[in-house]
C-alpha atoms as a PDB file:
ATOM      1  CA  MET A   1       5.198 -19.420 -10.054  1.00  0.00           C
ATOM      2  CA  LYS A   2       3.604 -17.216  -7.407  1.00  0.00           C
ATOM      3  CA  LYS A   3       1.878 -14.030  -8.504  1.00  0.00           C
ATOM      4  CA  PHE A   4       1.331 -10.793  -6.592  1.00  0.00           C
ATOM      5  CA  ALA A   5      -1.340  -8.203  -7.230  1.00  0.00           C
ATOM      6  CA  VAL A   6       0.240  -4.775  -6.623  1.00  0.00           C
ATOM      7  CA  LEU A   7      -2.336  -2.122  -5.750  1.00  0.00           C
ATOM      8  CA  ILE A   8      -1.200   1.466  -6.355  1.00  0.00           C
ATOM      9  CA  SER A   9      -2.824   4.888  -6.110  1.00  0.00           C
ATOM     10  CA  GLY A  10      -1.456   7.074  -8.891  1.00  0.00           C
ATOM     11  CA  SER A  11       2.056   8.353  -9.565  1.00  0.00           C
ATOM     12  CA  GLY A  12       3.949  10.569  -7.148  1.00  0.00           C
ATOM     13  CA  VAL A  13       4.419  10.631  -3.386  1.00  0.00           C
ATOM     14  CA  PHE A  14       2.272  13.672  -2.571  1.00  0.00           C
ATOM     15  CA  ASP A  15      -0.879  12.747  -4.491  1.00  0.00           C
ATOM     16  CA  GLY A  16      -0.419   9.136  -5.599  1.00  0.00           C
ATOM     17  CA  ALA A  17       1.776   6.083  -5.132  1.00  0.00           C
ATOM     18  CA  GLU A  18       5.307   6.507  -3.813  1.00  0.00           C
ATOM     19  CA  ILE A  19       7.352   5.674  -6.915  1.00  0.00           C
ATOM     20  CA  HIS A  20      10.464   4.298  -5.156  1.00  0.00           C
ATOM     21  CA  GLU A  21       8.353   2.030  -2.959  1.00  0.00           C
ATOM     22  CA  THR A  22       6.315   0.815  -5.925  1.00  0.00           C
ATOM     23  CA  VAL A  23       9.242   0.109  -8.238  1.00  0.00           C
ATOM     24  CA  LEU A  24      11.337  -1.536  -5.527  1.00  0.00           C
ATOM     25  CA  THR A  25       8.373  -3.707  -4.543  1.00  0.00           C
ATOM     26  CA  MET A  26       8.084  -4.809  -8.159  1.00  0.00           C
ATOM     27  CA  LEU A  27      11.823  -5.522  -8.243  1.00  0.00           C
ATOM     28  CA  ALA A  28      11.665  -7.477  -4.966  1.00  0.00           C
ATOM     29  CA  ILE A  29       8.844  -9.627  -6.322  1.00  0.00           C
ATOM     30  CA  LYS A  30      10.872 -10.495  -9.408  1.00  0.00           C
ATOM     31  CA  LYS A  31      14.020 -11.154  -7.359  1.00  0.00           C
ATOM     32  CA  THR A  32      12.156 -13.691  -5.245  1.00  0.00           C
ATOM     33  CA  GLY A  33      11.093 -15.566  -8.381  1.00  0.00           C
ATOM     34  CA  ALA A  34       7.486 -14.387  -8.480  1.00  0.00           C
ATOM     35  CA  GLU A  35       5.420 -12.361 -10.946  1.00  0.00           C
ATOM     36  CA  TYR A  36       3.130  -9.375 -10.479  1.00  0.00           C
ATOM     37  CA  GLN A  37       0.212  -7.522 -11.997  1.00  0.00           C
ATOM     38  CA  ILE A  38      -0.415  -3.876 -11.150  1.00  0.00           C
ATOM     39  CA  PHE A  39      -3.940  -2.671 -10.331  1.00  0.00           C
ATOM     40  CA  ALA A  40      -5.389   0.749  -9.582  1.00  0.00           C
ATOM     41  CA  PRO A  41      -8.927   2.043  -9.054  1.00  0.00           C
ATOM     42  CA  ASP A  42     -10.494   3.839 -12.025  1.00  0.00           C
ATOM     43  CA  MET A  43     -11.342   7.089 -10.261  1.00  0.00           C
ATOM     44  CA  MET A  44     -10.345  10.723 -10.114  1.00  0.00           C
ATOM     45  CA  GLN A  45      -7.567  11.402  -7.618  1.00  0.00           C
ATOM     46  CA  HIS A  46      -8.284  13.730  -4.704  1.00  0.00           C
ATOM     47  CA  HIS A  47      -6.080  16.523  -6.046  1.00  0.00           C
ATOM     48  CA  VAL A  48      -2.913  17.122  -8.042  1.00  0.00           C
ATOM     49  CA  ILE A  49       0.239  18.358  -6.322  1.00  0.00           C
ATOM     50  CA  ASN A  50       3.164  20.086  -8.010  1.00  0.00           C
ATOM     51  CA  HIS A  51       6.002  17.890  -6.737  1.00  0.00           C
ATOM     52  CA  LEU A  52       8.524  20.698  -7.286  1.00  0.00           C
ATOM     53  CA  THR A  53       6.756  23.327  -5.165  1.00  0.00           C
ATOM     54  CA  GLY A  54       4.369  21.270  -3.039  1.00  0.00           C
ATOM     55  CA  GLU A  55       1.460  23.440  -4.166  1.00  0.00           C
ATOM     56  CA  GLU A  56      -1.892  22.164  -5.383  1.00  0.00           C
ATOM     57  CA  MET A  57      -2.429  22.481  -9.134  1.00  0.00           C
ATOM     58  CA  PRO A  58      -5.689  23.533 -10.863  1.00  0.00           C
ATOM     59  CA  GLU A  59      -6.238  20.279 -12.763  1.00  0.00           C
ATOM     60  CA  ILE A  60      -7.723  16.820 -12.344  1.00  0.00           C
ATOM     61  CA  ARG A  61      -6.165  13.432 -13.021  1.00  0.00           C
ATOM     62  CA  ASN A  62      -7.344   9.827 -13.046  1.00  0.00           C
ATOM     63  CA  VAL A  63      -5.708   7.346 -10.635  1.00  0.00           C
ATOM     64  CA  LEU A  64      -5.710   4.491 -13.154  1.00  0.00           C
ATOM     65  CA  VAL A  65      -4.249   6.665 -15.911  1.00  0.00           C
ATOM     66  CA  GLU A  66      -1.552   8.061 -13.613  1.00  0.00           C
ATOM     67  CA  SER A  67      -0.724   4.572 -12.352  1.00  0.00           C
ATOM     68  CA  ALA A  68      -0.099   3.519 -15.938  1.00  0.00           C
ATOM     69  CA  ARG A  69       2.993   5.769 -15.882  1.00  0.00           C
ATOM     70  CA  ILE A  70       4.674   3.499 -13.333  1.00  0.00           C
ATOM     71  CA  ALA A  71       3.247   0.321 -14.852  1.00  0.00           C
ATOM     72  CA  ARG A  72       4.434   1.258 -18.365  1.00  0.00           C
ATOM     73  CA  GLY A  73       0.831   0.844 -19.461  1.00  0.00           C
ATOM     74  CA  ASN A  74       0.390  -2.634 -17.999  1.00  0.00           C
ATOM     75  CA  VAL A  75      -2.167  -1.815 -15.315  1.00  0.00           C
ATOM     76  CA  LYS A  76      -5.666  -3.188 -14.802  1.00  0.00           C
ATOM     77  CA  PRO A  77      -8.700  -1.503 -13.229  1.00  0.00           C
ATOM     78  CA  LEU A  78      -9.030  -2.676  -9.636  1.00  0.00           C
ATOM     79  CA  ALA A  79     -12.651  -3.643 -10.317  1.00  0.00           C
ATOM     80  CA  GLU A  80     -11.247  -6.552 -12.378  1.00  0.00           C
ATOM     81  CA  TYR A  81      -9.175  -7.952  -9.503  1.00  0.00           C
ATOM     82  CA  ASP A  82     -10.093 -11.471  -8.407  1.00  0.00           C
ATOM     83  CA  PRO A  83      -8.040 -12.781  -5.474  1.00  0.00           C
ATOM     84  CA  LYS A  84      -8.559 -16.348  -6.677  1.00  0.00           C
ATOM     85  CA  ASP A  85      -6.164 -15.554  -9.547  1.00  0.00           C
ATOM     86  CA  TYR A  86      -3.342 -14.297  -7.290  1.00  0.00           C
ATOM     87  CA  ASP A  87      -1.302 -15.565  -4.366  1.00  0.00           C
ATOM     88  CA  ALA A  88      -0.955 -12.247  -2.518  1.00  0.00           C
ATOM     89  CA  LEU A  89      -1.943  -8.579  -2.507  1.00  0.00           C
ATOM     90  CA  ILE A  90       0.535  -5.819  -1.686  1.00  0.00           C
ATOM     91  CA  LEU A  91       0.055  -2.053  -1.334  1.00  0.00           C
ATOM     92  CA  PRO A  92       2.997   0.374  -1.625  1.00  0.00           C
ATOM     93  CA  GLY A  93       2.586   3.683   0.176  1.00  0.00           C
ATOM     94  CA  GLY A  94       2.569   7.334  -0.799  1.00  0.00           C
ATOM     95  CA  PHE A  95      -0.069   9.907   0.114  1.00  0.00           C
ATOM     96  CA  GLY A  96      -2.308   8.457  -2.585  1.00  0.00           C
ATOM     97  CA  ALA A  97      -2.928   5.472  -0.318  1.00  0.00           C
ATOM     98  CA  ALA A  98      -4.313   7.873   2.291  1.00  0.00           C
ATOM     99  CA  LYS A  99      -5.982  10.340  -0.123  1.00  0.00           C
ATOM    100  CA  ASN A 100      -7.249   8.234  -3.040  1.00  0.00           C
ATOM    101  CA  LEU A 101      -7.548   4.667  -1.760  1.00  0.00           C
ATOM    102  CA  CYS A 102      -9.061   5.975   1.452  1.00  0.00           C
ATOM    103  CA  THR A 103      -9.539   9.310   3.248  1.00  0.00           C
ATOM    104  CA  PHE A 104      -7.181   8.666   6.168  1.00  0.00           C
ATOM    105  CA  ALA A 105      -5.128  11.796   5.385  1.00  0.00           C
ATOM    106  CA  PHE A 106      -8.211  13.957   5.979  1.00  0.00           C
ATOM    107  CA  ASP A 107     -10.484  12.014   8.305  1.00  0.00           C
ATOM    108  CA  GLY A 108      -8.125   9.914  10.415  1.00  0.00           C
ATOM    109  CA  ALA A 109      -9.891   7.118  12.297  1.00  0.00           C
ATOM    110  CA  ASN A 110     -13.207   8.147  10.707  1.00  0.00           C
ATOM    111  CA  CYS A 111     -11.864   7.623   7.199  1.00  0.00           C
ATOM    112  CA  LYS A 112     -13.741   5.886   4.415  1.00  0.00           C
ATOM    113  CA  VAL A 113     -12.200   3.364   2.019  1.00  0.00           C
ATOM    114  CA  GLN A 114     -12.804   3.443  -1.748  1.00  0.00           C
ATOM    115  CA  PRO A 115     -15.276   0.609  -2.545  1.00  0.00           C
ATOM    116  CA  ASP A 116     -13.066  -1.316  -5.002  1.00  0.00           C
ATOM    117  CA  VAL A 117     -10.183  -1.133  -2.530  1.00  0.00           C
ATOM    118  CA  GLU A 118     -12.353  -2.361   0.330  1.00  0.00           C
ATOM    119  CA  LYS A 119     -13.589  -5.284  -1.751  1.00  0.00           C
ATOM    120  CA  ALA A 120     -10.073  -6.216  -2.908  1.00  0.00           C
ATOM    121  CA  VAL A 121      -8.638  -6.266   0.618  1.00  0.00           C
ATOM    122  CA  LYS A 122     -11.588  -8.014   2.254  1.00  0.00           C
ATOM    123  CA  ASP A 123     -11.913 -10.633  -0.488  1.00  0.00           C
ATOM    124  CA  THR A 124      -8.182 -11.395  -0.266  1.00  0.00           C
ATOM    125  CA  HIS A 125      -8.406 -11.591   3.510  1.00  0.00           C
ATOM    126  CA  ALA A 126     -11.406 -13.930   3.293  1.00  0.00           C
ATOM    127  CA  LEU A 127      -9.271 -16.379   1.314  1.00  0.00           C
ATOM    128  CA  ASN A 128      -6.492 -16.075   3.938  1.00  0.00           C
ATOM    129  CA  LYS A 129      -4.002 -14.939   1.319  1.00  0.00           C
ATOM    130  CA  PRO A 130      -1.089 -12.690   2.382  1.00  0.00           C
ATOM    131  CA  ILE A 131      -1.659  -8.946   2.353  1.00  0.00           C
ATOM    132  CA  GLY A 132       1.345  -6.617   2.445  1.00  0.00           C
ATOM    133  CA  ALA A 133       1.372  -2.874   3.082  1.00  0.00           C
ATOM    134  CA  LEU A 134       4.218  -0.357   3.057  1.00  0.00           C
ATOM    135  CA  CYS A 135       4.593   3.127   4.525  1.00  0.00           C
ATOM    136  CA  ILE A 136       1.156   4.692   5.271  1.00  0.00           C
ATOM    137  CA  ALA A 137      -0.833   1.924   3.532  1.00  0.00           C
ATOM    138  CA  PRO A 138      -1.138  -0.094   6.789  1.00  0.00           C
ATOM    139  CA  ALA A 139      -3.566   2.591   8.018  1.00  0.00           C
ATOM    140  CA  LEU A 140      -5.974   1.489   5.299  1.00  0.00           C
ATOM    141  CA  ILE A 141      -5.567  -2.149   6.384  1.00  0.00           C
ATOM    142  CA  SER A 142      -6.254  -1.106   9.972  1.00  0.00           C
ATOM    143  CA  LYS A 143      -9.504   0.580   8.976  1.00  0.00           C
ATOM    144  CA  LEU A 144     -10.721  -2.499   7.102  1.00  0.00           C
ATOM    145  CA  LEU A 145      -9.531  -5.302   9.391  1.00  0.00           C
ATOM    146  CA  GLY A 146      -9.570  -3.622  12.801  1.00  0.00           C
ATOM    147  CA  ASP A 147      -7.902  -5.970  15.285  1.00  0.00           C
ATOM    148  CA  VAL A 148      -4.650  -6.461  13.388  1.00  0.00           C
ATOM    149  CA  GLU A 149      -1.015  -6.052  14.437  1.00  0.00           C
ATOM    150  CA  LEU A 150       0.957  -3.755  12.131  1.00  0.00           C
ATOM    151  CA  THR A 151       3.451  -0.904  11.819  1.00  0.00           C
ATOM    152  CA  ILE A 152       3.848   2.504  10.230  1.00  0.00           C
ATOM    153  CA  GLY A 153       7.228   3.017  11.876  1.00  0.00           C
ATOM    154  CA  GLN A 154       7.594   5.542  14.691  1.00  0.00           C
ATOM    155  CA  ASP A 155       5.155   8.418  14.089  1.00  0.00           C
ATOM    156  CA  ALA A 156       3.292   8.735  17.384  1.00  0.00           C
ATOM    157  CA  GLY A 157       0.252  10.567  16.002  1.00  0.00           C
ATOM    158  CA  THR A 158      -0.386   8.094  13.222  1.00  0.00           C
ATOM    159  CA  ALA A 159       0.205   5.165  15.566  1.00  0.00           C
ATOM    160  CA  GLU A 160      -2.344   6.586  18.001  1.00  0.00           C
ATOM    161  CA  THR A 161      -4.932   6.946  15.245  1.00  0.00           C
ATOM    162  CA  ILE A 162      -4.328   3.365  14.135  1.00  0.00           C
ATOM    163  CA  SER A 163      -4.898   2.249  17.724  1.00  0.00           C
ATOM    164  CA  LYS A 164      -8.226   4.084  17.721  1.00  0.00           C
ATOM    165  CA  MET A 165      -9.268   1.915  14.763  1.00  0.00           C
ATOM    166  CA  GLY A 166      -8.716  -1.180  16.904  1.00  0.00           C
ATOM    167  CA  SER A 167      -5.257  -2.230  15.716  1.00  0.00           C
ATOM    168  CA  LYS A 168      -2.075  -2.844  17.686  1.00  0.00           C
ATOM    169  CA  HIS A 169       0.807  -0.709  16.468  1.00  0.00           C
ATOM    170  CA  ILE A 170       4.373  -2.035  16.722  1.00  0.00           C
ATOM    171  CA  ARG A 171       7.197   0.506  16.668  1.00  0.00           C
ATOM    172  CA  THR A 172       9.785  -0.417  14.030  1.00  0.00           C
ATOM    173  CA  THR A 173      12.798   0.911  12.178  1.00  0.00           C
ATOM    174  CA  HIS A 174      14.242   0.463   8.684  1.00  0.00           C
ATOM    175  CA  GLY A 175      13.657  -2.898   7.059  1.00  0.00           C
ATOM    176  CA  GLU A 176      11.698  -4.389   9.936  1.00  0.00           C
ATOM    177  CA  VAL A 177       8.535  -6.307   9.093  1.00  0.00           C
ATOM    178  CA  VAL A 178       5.589  -6.863  11.422  1.00  0.00           C
ATOM    179  CA  VAL A 179       3.780 -10.115  10.699  1.00  0.00           C
ATOM    180  CA  ASP A 180       0.239 -10.661  11.943  1.00  0.00           C
ATOM    181  CA  LYS A 181      -0.073 -14.429  11.645  1.00  0.00           C
ATOM    182  CA  LYS A 182      -3.780 -14.476  12.468  1.00  0.00           C
ATOM    183  CA  HIS A 183      -4.725 -12.114   9.648  1.00  0.00           C
ATOM    184  CA  ASN A 184      -1.793 -12.961   7.337  1.00  0.00           C
ATOM    185  CA  VAL A 185      -0.842  -9.260   7.146  1.00  0.00           C
ATOM    186  CA  PHE A 186       2.737  -8.029   6.576  1.00  0.00           C
ATOM    187  CA  THR A 187       3.756  -4.391   7.100  1.00  0.00           C
ATOM    188  CA  THR A 188       6.951  -2.304   6.975  1.00  0.00           C
ATOM    189  CA  PRO A 189       7.478   1.465   7.460  1.00  0.00           C
ATOM    190  CA  CYS A 190       9.604   2.581   4.460  1.00  0.00           C
ATOM    191  CA  TYR A 191       9.210   6.355   3.926  1.00  0.00           C
ATOM    192  CA  MET A 192       7.166   6.809   7.092  1.00  0.00           C
ATOM    193  CA  LEU A 193      10.699   6.975   8.492  1.00  0.00           C
ATOM    194  CA  ASP A 194      13.454   9.350   7.377  1.00  0.00           C
ATOM    195  CA  ALA A 195      14.819   6.891   4.817  1.00  0.00           C
ATOM    196  CA  ASN A 196      17.083   6.658   1.803  1.00  0.00           C
ATOM    197  CA  ILE A 197      16.427   4.560  -1.277  1.00  0.00           C
ATOM    198  CA  MET A 198      18.625   1.680  -0.071  1.00  0.00           C
ATOM    199  CA  GLN A 199      16.550   1.446   3.109  1.00  0.00           C
ATOM    200  CA  ILE A 200      13.393   1.416   0.994  1.00  0.00           C
ATOM    201  CA  GLU A 201      14.819  -1.460  -1.051  1.00  0.00           C
ATOM    202  CA  LEU A 202      15.541  -3.342   2.184  1.00  0.00           C
ATOM    203  CA  GLY A 203      12.004  -2.862   3.455  1.00  0.00           C
ATOM    204  CA  ALA A 204      10.417  -3.875   0.164  1.00  0.00           C
ATOM    205  CA  MET A 205      12.586  -6.975  -0.131  1.00  0.00           C
ATOM    206  CA  ASN A 206      12.019  -8.024   3.473  1.00  0.00           C
ATOM    207  CA  VAL A 207       8.243  -7.719   3.304  1.00  0.00           C
ATOM    208  CA  VAL A 208       8.033  -9.574  -0.020  1.00  0.00           C
ATOM    209  CA  GLU A 209      10.318 -12.349   1.244  1.00  0.00           C
ATOM    210  CA  ALA A 210       8.238 -12.693   4.422  1.00  0.00           C
ATOM    211  CA  MET A 211       5.083 -13.020   2.319  1.00  0.00           C
ATOM    212  CA  MET A 212       6.710 -15.577   0.033  1.00  0.00           C
ATOM    213  CA  GLU A 213       7.574 -17.749   3.043  1.00  0.00           C
ATOM    214  CA  VAL A 214       3.890 -18.351   3.824  1.00  0.00           C
ATOM    215  CA  MET A 215       2.704 -18.915   0.259  1.00  0.00           C
END
């Protein structure tokens, strides 16, 4: 049975992992007959956002601890991830991917990637195992791998920034998956588009199925 490592960035679209994308990715993995283990870096998240008002809150939270909310406690520190034990790595989106896993939300093409995240992606890539990324997470992949073909949907500004990092952006719509065969990278836009939850399910299922085909 194939096994995915699912890398998330907290809990909640504005400061962590996008919950719909994460849960539907988990569901898609199970529907395709595979298993998964959730990972998150053990670090403080950039900030905490009140998801009712959109305002920043005067508190601090840990990415691993917050990720445990989605994982129902079954989450491992990303420092423990070994790509030899898994068949694929997949990253759901949410602002946490661009705020906690890297600094793309603040620094654009000059962003830095959290060390455990960089190691996880590069070590997986070195073994030529499939790497999937949803929503804004492909920006992180672009920063680390450079000359890779991927998508974040249709946002012109983000696409331009990705191009500055050396990647080729492909414009896509709901459920479409861009496959970079050279780098074994699979991306889909999800909530980078104006989407509903059924369209998110379609994107998650399509990207997981595409990854399963090459395993």
